[in-house]
Amino acid sequence: MPFTNRVFSGIQPSGDLHLGNYLGAIRRFVPLQDTHECIYCVVDMHAITVWQEPEELRRATRELTAAYLAAGIDPKRAIIFNQSRVYQHAELAWVFNCVARIGWMNRMTQFKDKAGKNSENVSLGLLAYPSLMAADILLYKATHVPVGDDQKQHLELTRDIAAKFNNDYGDSIEANGLDREFFPITEPLITGPATLVKSLRDGSKKMSKSDPSDQSRISLLDDADAIAKKIKRATTDPEPLPPEIEGLKGRAEADNLVAIYAALADKTKPEVLAEFGGKGWGVFKPALADLAVSTLAPMAGEMRRLLGDPATIDSILAEGAERARPLAEETMRDVRRIVGFVG
């Protein structure tokens, strides 16, 4: 399989998608369809590294697929599928488990964050899942991965695994008539500044589905009325917006709302402040609410329509898997020969 201008990215189906998921990842995937060969995965195998109720996992898988589609990802132009339908992900992950070093996994900050003080009792999958993530990417010999700050370390690990595999098996790779750089050293793809959306109640915290307050987040399934009310009730301070970005320092809630406006309007924060600097929240919040409603409410309506027809969602995932499987098997046929498997 020659290296191409190919993008791979996957999101865990965690359910209750919110504005942070959209601005931080899903929205950024859409324009890449114009410039790259795109493979977008619902990584349901990653999801079970922590316990999932089976029916909830199925619901969340369909919800994320609906979000991909409603955001503008075209299943005829991009490949959309759920990871568990293509068994080669797990097969390559095992090979990479035998290439990667335990020390590499122990250094992953996300594992430390998720395991906390309970690291002896979490699943082995939670420790090893960066190896599966590397398999997801390298199974398709993806040249680029759109990444946020929280995924840079995992992409570095993917690059390390690719380099070690190419080095460890270099002689066998050449003996099988293959290019010694069998796996690409995948590059991060920067598609503009990432928007880390914070809670509408507390600008020091990420927007999260685990927050007990529904008012802290905008769900991608919220209707126009809910979106507008949540923005108008968002925590702010008594000061008007500053004319320049330096004036947002120490004003976490103000900075968050300006960042949301900028992302939804495809503007920079300085451009937003040039328009609203010196104006109070009585002007800015209604403008932000109108912008958010015009962007998000149609998407929510389309998601609800799609979720009302789960058979269509499942058929899109199945068709995507049918397109992904030959690409995956082409890589695995070579990997099996390279490592010495018979058959």
Protein backbone atom coordinates (compact mmCIF):
# COMPACT_ATOMS: atom_id res chain seq x y z
CA MET A 1 0.00 0.00 0.00
CA PRO A 2 1.72 3.24 -1.08
CA PHE A 3 1.73 6.15 1.32
CA THR A 4 -0.95 8.62 0.39
CA ASN A 5 -2.26 11.91 1.65
CA ARG A 6 -4.41 9.95 4.09
CA VAL A 7 -5.99 11.12 7.34
CA PHE A 8 -7.18 8.81 10.10
CA SER A 9 -8.97 9.93 13.23
CA GLY A 10 -11.25 8.29 15.74
CA ILE A 11 -13.44 9.41 18.62
CA GLN A 12 -14.66 7.30 21.50
CA PRO A 13 -18.43 6.84 21.66
CA SER A 14 -18.85 8.16 25.18
CA GLY A 15 -22.41 9.42 24.74
CA ASP A 16 -23.93 12.84 25.43
CA LEU A 17 -21.82 14.70 22.89
CA HIS A 18 -21.40 18.39 23.61
CA LEU A 19 -20.07 21.59 22.09
CA GLY A 20 -16.52 20.76 23.17
CA ASN A 21 -16.58 17.52 21.15
CA TYR A 22 -17.86 19.42 18.12
CA LEU A 23 -15.47 22.37 18.15
CA GLY A 24 -12.49 20.37 19.39
CA ALA A 25 -12.71 17.55 16.85
CA ILE A 26 -15.77 16.80 14.71
CA ARG A 27 -16.06 20.20 13.02
CA ARG A 28 -12.37 20.14 12.15
CA PHE A 29 -12.76 16.84 10.28
CA VAL A 30 -15.21 18.16 7.69
CA PRO A 31 -12.96 20.39 5.49
CA LEU A 32 -10.27 17.70 5.33
CA GLN A 33 -12.53 15.78 2.93
CA ASP A 34 -11.57 18.36 0.28
CA THR A 35 -7.82 17.85 0.62
CA HIS A 36 -7.20 14.32 1.96
CA GLU A 37 -8.36 10.75 1.76
CA CYS A 38 -10.22 10.55 5.09
CA ILE A 39 -10.98 7.61 7.36
CA TYR A 40 -13.11 8.48 10.40
CA CYS A 41 -13.68 5.81 13.00
CA VAL A 42 -15.97 5.36 15.97
CA VAL A 43 -13.48 3.68 18.31
CA ASP A 44 -15.81 1.43 20.27
CA MET A 45 -12.99 -0.96 21.20
CA HIS A 46 -11.25 1.90 23.00
CA ALA A 47 -14.48 2.68 24.83
CA ILE A 48 -14.53 -0.66 26.68
CA THR A 49 -11.21 0.01 28.40
CA VAL A 50 -13.58 1.24 31.12
CA TRP A 51 -16.88 -0.48 31.81
CA GLN A 52 -19.69 0.29 29.37
CA GLU A 53 -23.28 -0.86 29.56
CA PRO A 54 -23.73 -2.74 26.26
CA GLU A 55 -26.96 -1.02 25.24
CA GLU A 56 -25.51 2.37 26.16
CA LEU A 57 -22.42 1.66 24.04
CA ARG A 58 -24.62 0.85 21.05
CA ARG A 59 -26.60 4.05 21.58
CA ALA A 60 -23.45 6.15 21.93
CA THR A 61 -21.92 4.58 18.80
CA ARG A 62 -24.97 5.56 16.76
CA GLU A 63 -25.06 9.04 18.33
CA LEU A 64 -21.45 9.75 17.39
CA THR A 65 -22.05 8.46 13.87
CA ALA A 66 -25.09 10.74 13.61
CA ALA A 67 -22.91 13.67 14.74
CA TYR A 68 -20.30 12.90 12.07
CA LEU A 69 -23.01 12.86 9.41
CA ALA A 70 -24.93 15.89 10.67
CA ALA A 71 -21.70 17.93 10.87
CA GLY A 72 -21.11 17.34 7.16
CA ILE A 73 -18.91 14.26 6.86
CA ASP A 74 -20.01 12.53 3.66
CA PRO A 75 -19.91 8.70 3.87
CA LYS A 76 -19.37 8.55 0.11
CA ARG A 77 -16.28 10.76 0.26
CA ALA A 78 -14.88 9.61 3.61
CA ILE A 79 -14.89 6.16 5.18
CA ILE A 80 -16.99 6.08 8.36
CA PHE A 81 -17.14 2.87 10.39
CA ASN A 82 -16.96 1.52 13.92
CA GLN A 83 -13.65 -0.03 14.89
CA SER A 84 -14.95 -3.38 16.14
CA ARG A 85 -16.24 -4.29 12.65
CA VAL A 86 -12.65 -4.51 11.35
CA TYR A 87 -10.86 -7.19 13.39
CA GLN A 88 -7.46 -6.27 11.96
CA HIS A 89 -7.35 -3.35 14.43
CA ALA A 90 -7.07 -5.84 17.28
CA GLU A 91 -4.69 -8.08 15.34
CA LEU A 92 -2.19 -5.30 14.65
CA ALA A 93 -2.59 -3.98 18.20
CA TRP A 94 -1.31 -7.33 19.52
CA VAL A 95 1.76 -7.14 17.28
CA PHE A 96 2.36 -3.61 18.54
CA ASN A 97 1.93 -4.78 22.14
CA CYS A 98 4.98 -6.94 21.45
CA VAL A 99 6.92 -4.04 19.91
CA ALA A 100 6.08 -1.27 22.38
CA ARG A 101 7.77 -1.17 25.78
CA ILE A 102 5.97 -1.15 29.12
CA GLY A 103 7.93 1.94 30.12
CA TRP A 104 6.44 3.79 27.18
CA MET A 105 2.93 2.95 28.34
CA ASN A 106 3.63 3.88 31.96
CA ARG A 107 4.70 7.34 30.85
CA MET A 108 1.39 8.13 29.16
CA THR A 109 -0.10 11.03 31.11
CA GLN A 110 -3.67 10.14 30.12
CA PHE A 111 -3.25 6.70 31.73
CA LYS A 112 -1.97 8.34 34.90
CA ASP A 113 -4.88 10.79 34.89
CA LYS A 114 -7.53 8.11 34.32
CA ALA A 115 -6.03 5.48 36.61
CA GLY A 116 -5.15 7.87 39.42
CA LYS A 117 -4.17 6.08 42.62
CA ASN A 118 -6.05 2.98 41.48
CA SER A 119 -3.60 1.94 38.77
CA GLU A 120 -3.32 -1.65 40.05
CA ASN A 121 -7.05 -2.23 39.58
CA VAL A 122 -7.77 -0.65 36.20
CA SER A 123 -8.06 -2.81 33.10
CA LEU A 124 -4.99 -3.91 31.18
CA GLY A 125 -6.71 -2.36 28.16
CA LEU A 126 -6.51 1.09 29.74
CA LEU A 127 -2.73 0.73 30.02
CA ALA A 128 -2.29 -0.75 26.54
CA TYR A 129 -4.83 1.31 24.59
CA PRO A 130 -2.18 3.68 23.10
CA SER A 131 -0.88 0.59 21.30
CA LEU A 132 -4.37 0.04 19.85
CA MET A 133 -4.46 3.72 18.91
CA ALA A 134 -1.18 3.26 17.02
CA ALA A 135 -2.70 0.24 15.27
CA ASP A 136 -5.77 2.27 14.29
CA ILE A 137 -3.57 4.82 12.55
CA LEU A 138 -0.89 2.60 11.05
CA LEU A 139 -3.26 -0.12 9.85
CA TYR A 140 -4.22 2.35 7.11
CA LYS A 141 -0.72 3.80 6.83
CA ALA A 142 -2.19 7.20 7.57
CA THR A 143 0.20 10.01 6.79
CA HIS A 144 -1.58 12.58 8.95
CA VAL A 145 -3.68 12.69 12.11
CA PRO A 146 -5.56 15.80 13.28
CA VAL A 147 -4.61 16.11 16.93
CA GLY A 148 -5.37 18.29 19.90
CA ASP A 149 -2.98 18.98 22.75
CA ASP A 150 -4.26 15.99 24.72
CA GLN A 151 -3.38 13.55 21.92
CA LYS A 152 0.10 14.75 20.96
CA GLN A 153 1.79 12.30 23.32
CA HIS A 154 -0.13 9.37 21.82
CA LEU A 155 0.85 10.37 18.30
CA GLU A 156 4.48 10.51 19.42
CA LEU A 157 4.06 6.96 20.72
CA THR A 158 2.59 5.93 17.36
CA ARG A 159 5.66 7.36 15.64
CA ASP A 160 7.94 5.52 18.08
CA ILE A 161 6.15 2.21 17.48
CA ALA A 162 6.33 2.67 13.70
CA ALA A 163 10.05 3.46 13.85
CA LYS A 164 10.80 0.51 16.16
CA PHE A 165 8.82 -1.92 14.01
CA ASN A 166 10.59 -0.69 10.86
CA ASN A 167 13.96 -1.05 12.60
CA ASP A 168 13.36 -4.38 14.38
CA TYR A 169 11.99 -6.06 11.28
CA GLY A 170 14.00 -4.15 8.69
CA ASP A 171 15.74 -7.21 7.26
CA SER A 172 12.50 -9.16 7.03
CA ILE A 173 10.72 -6.17 5.46
CA GLU A 174 13.38 -6.02 2.73
CA ALA A 175 13.42 -9.82 2.32
CA ASN A 176 9.72 -9.65 1.54
CA GLY A 177 10.37 -7.08 -1.17
CA LEU A 178 8.88 -4.19 0.76
CA ASP A 179 10.10 -0.67 1.45
CA ARG A 180 12.19 -0.66 4.62
CA GLU A 181 10.09 2.26 5.91
CA PHE A 182 7.09 -0.04 5.99
CA PHE A 183 5.02 2.11 8.34
CA PRO A 184 4.99 5.88 7.81
CA ILE A 185 6.12 8.21 10.56
CA THR A 186 2.71 9.84 10.82
CA GLU A 187 2.62 13.62 11.05
CA PRO A 188 0.26 15.72 13.18
CA LEU A 189 -2.18 17.76 11.13
CA ILE A 190 -2.85 21.26 12.39
CA THR A 191 -6.16 22.54 11.03
CA GLY A 192 -6.15 25.85 12.88
CA PRO A 193 -6.07 26.61 16.59
CA ALA A 194 -7.88 23.99 18.64
CA THR A 195 -10.76 25.25 20.75
CA LEU A 196 -10.70 23.84 24.27
CA VAL A 197 -14.24 24.61 25.37
CA LYS A 198 -14.72 25.25 29.07
CA SER A 199 -17.74 24.81 31.31
CA LEU A 200 -20.42 27.48 31.01
CA ARG A 201 -20.55 27.48 34.82
CA ASP A 202 -16.83 27.46 35.64
CA GLY A 203 -14.26 28.67 33.15
CA SER A 204 -11.47 26.80 34.95
CA LYS A 205 -12.92 23.40 33.99
CA LYS A 206 -13.35 21.66 30.65
CA MET A 207 -16.88 21.27 29.33
CA SER A 208 -17.74 17.71 30.27
CA LYS A 209 -20.68 15.33 30.23
CA SER A 210 -19.70 14.24 33.76
CA ASP A 211 -20.46 17.67 35.23
CA PRO A 212 -23.60 17.28 37.40
CA SER A 213 -25.04 20.54 36.05
CA ASP A 214 -26.68 20.27 32.64
CA GLN A 215 -26.31 24.07 32.44
CA SER A 216 -22.52 23.66 32.24
CA ARG A 217 -22.60 22.31 28.68
CA ILE A 218 -24.39 22.60 25.36
CA SER A 219 -25.39 19.17 24.17
CA LEU A 220 -25.30 18.50 20.44
CA LEU A 221 -28.90 17.31 20.80
CA ASP A 222 -30.11 20.51 22.51
CA ASP A 223 -32.82 22.40 20.67
CA ALA A 224 -32.68 26.11 19.86
CA ASP A 225 -34.44 27.15 23.06
CA ALA A 226 -32.09 25.14 25.30
CA ILE A 227 -28.99 26.46 23.52
CA ALA A 228 -30.07 30.08 23.88
CA LYS A 229 -31.03 29.71 27.54
CA LYS A 230 -27.74 28.04 28.48
CA ILE A 231 -25.68 30.78 26.87
CA LYS A 232 -27.70 33.57 28.42
CA ARG A 233 -27.32 31.91 31.86
CA ALA A 234 -23.58 31.28 31.43
CA THR A 235 -21.36 32.56 34.24
CA THR A 236 -19.68 35.89 33.48
CA ASP A 237 -18.17 38.80 35.38
CA PRO A 238 -19.48 42.38 35.71
CA GLU A 239 -16.92 43.95 33.36
CA PRO A 240 -17.58 44.64 29.66
CA LEU A 241 -15.55 42.83 27.05
CA PRO A 242 -12.05 44.28 26.58
CA PRO A 243 -10.97 45.75 23.23
CA GLU A 244 -7.79 43.64 23.14
CA ILE A 245 -6.99 40.02 23.98
CA GLU A 246 -4.67 40.92 26.87
CA GLY A 247 -7.77 42.12 28.70
CA LEU A 248 -9.09 38.56 28.90
CA LYS A 249 -6.26 37.46 31.20
CA GLY A 250 -7.65 36.35 34.53
CA ARG A 251 -11.21 36.34 33.12
CA ALA A 252 -11.70 32.63 32.40
CA GLU A 253 -15.45 32.77 31.75
CA ALA A 254 -15.18 35.78 29.46
CA ASP A 255 -12.31 34.16 27.58
CA ASN A 256 -14.34 30.97 27.14
CA LEU A 257 -17.37 32.72 25.64
CA VAL A 258 -15.20 34.77 23.30
CA ALA A 259 -13.40 31.58 22.22
CA ILE A 260 -16.73 29.85 21.51
CA TYR A 261 -17.93 32.80 19.44
CA ALA A 262 -14.64 32.90 17.52
CA ALA A 263 -14.75 29.18 16.74
CA LEU A 264 -18.38 29.20 15.62
CA ALA A 265 -17.83 32.31 13.46
CA ASP A 266 -14.47 31.12 12.05
CA LYS A 267 -12.81 34.23 13.46
CA THR A 268 -9.92 34.90 15.80
CA LYS A 269 -10.47 36.15 19.32
CA PRO A 270 -8.91 39.54 18.47
CA GLU A 271 -11.41 39.87 15.60
CA VAL A 272 -14.29 39.14 17.99
CA LEU A 273 -12.99 41.71 20.48
CA ALA A 274 -12.58 44.29 17.73
CA GLU A 275 -16.33 43.91 17.14
CA PHE A 276 -17.54 43.63 20.74
CA GLY A 277 -14.82 45.31 22.82
CA GLY A 278 -16.31 47.75 25.31
CA LYS A 279 -19.76 46.21 25.02
CA GLY A 280 -21.50 44.49 27.89
CA TRP A 281 -22.86 40.97 28.23
CA GLY A 282 -26.34 42.21 27.43
CA VAL A 283 -25.09 42.74 23.88
CA PHE A 284 -22.61 39.89 23.53
CA LYS A 285 -24.60 36.99 24.98
CA PRO A 286 -27.61 37.44 22.67
CA ALA A 287 -25.23 37.67 19.69
CA LEU A 288 -23.47 34.49 20.79
CA ALA A 289 -26.80 32.75 21.39
CA ASP A 290 -28.01 33.65 17.89
CA LEU A 291 -24.77 32.40 16.35
CA ALA A 292 -24.82 29.16 18.33
CA VAL A 293 -28.48 28.50 17.54
CA SER A 294 -27.99 29.12 13.82
CA THR A 295 -25.01 26.73 13.75
CA LEU A 296 -25.99 24.02 16.19
CA ALA A 297 -29.79 23.76 16.11
CA PRO A 298 -29.94 22.49 12.49
CA MET A 299 -27.26 19.94 13.32
CA ALA A 300 -29.21 18.79 16.39
CA GLY A 301 -32.34 18.41 14.27
CA GLU A 302 -30.47 16.31 11.72
CA MET A 303 -28.95 14.16 14.47
CA ARG A 304 -32.39 13.50 15.93
CA ARG A 305 -33.70 12.57 12.47
CA LEU A 306 -30.83 10.14 11.92
CA LEU A 307 -31.17 8.60 15.38
CA GLY A 308 -34.82 7.95 14.58
CA ASP A 309 -33.62 5.60 11.85
CA PRO A 310 -30.91 3.43 13.45
CA ALA A 311 -31.01 0.93 10.59
CA THR A 312 -29.68 3.61 8.21
CA ILE A 313 -26.87 4.51 10.63
CA ASP A 314 -25.95 0.83 10.99
CA SER A 315 -25.89 0.38 7.21
CA ILE A 316 -23.55 3.37 6.82
CA LEU A 317 -21.21 1.87 9.42
CA ALA A 318 -21.36 -1.53 7.71
CA GLU A 319 -20.63 -0.03 4.29
CA GLY A 320 -17.74 1.94 5.74
CA ALA A 321 -16.30 -1.22 7.28
CA GLU A 322 -16.57 -2.98 3.92
CA ARG A 323 -14.42 -0.22 2.42
CA ALA A 324 -11.96 -0.16 5.34
CA ARG A 325 -11.46 -3.93 5.56
CA PRO A 326 -9.51 -4.43 2.30
CA LEU A 327 -7.13 -1.60 3.23
CA ALA A 328 -6.63 -3.14 6.66
CA GLU A 329 -6.10 -6.65 5.30
CA GLU A 330 -3.55 -5.43 2.75
CA THR A 331 -1.41 -4.13 5.62
CA MET A 332 -1.94 -7.21 7.79
CA ARG A 333 -1.02 -9.67 5.01
CA ASP A 334 2.37 -7.98 4.85
CA VAL A 335 2.72 -7.73 8.65
CA ARG A 336 2.06 -11.46 9.09
CA ARG A 337 4.81 -12.33 6.62
CA ILE A 338 7.20 -9.75 8.09
CA VAL A 339 6.91 -11.08 11.67
CA GLY A 340 7.09 -14.72 10.56
CA PHE A 341 3.55 -16.01 10.94
CA VAL A 342 2.76 -19.04 8.78
CA GLY A 343 -0.42 -19.06 6.73
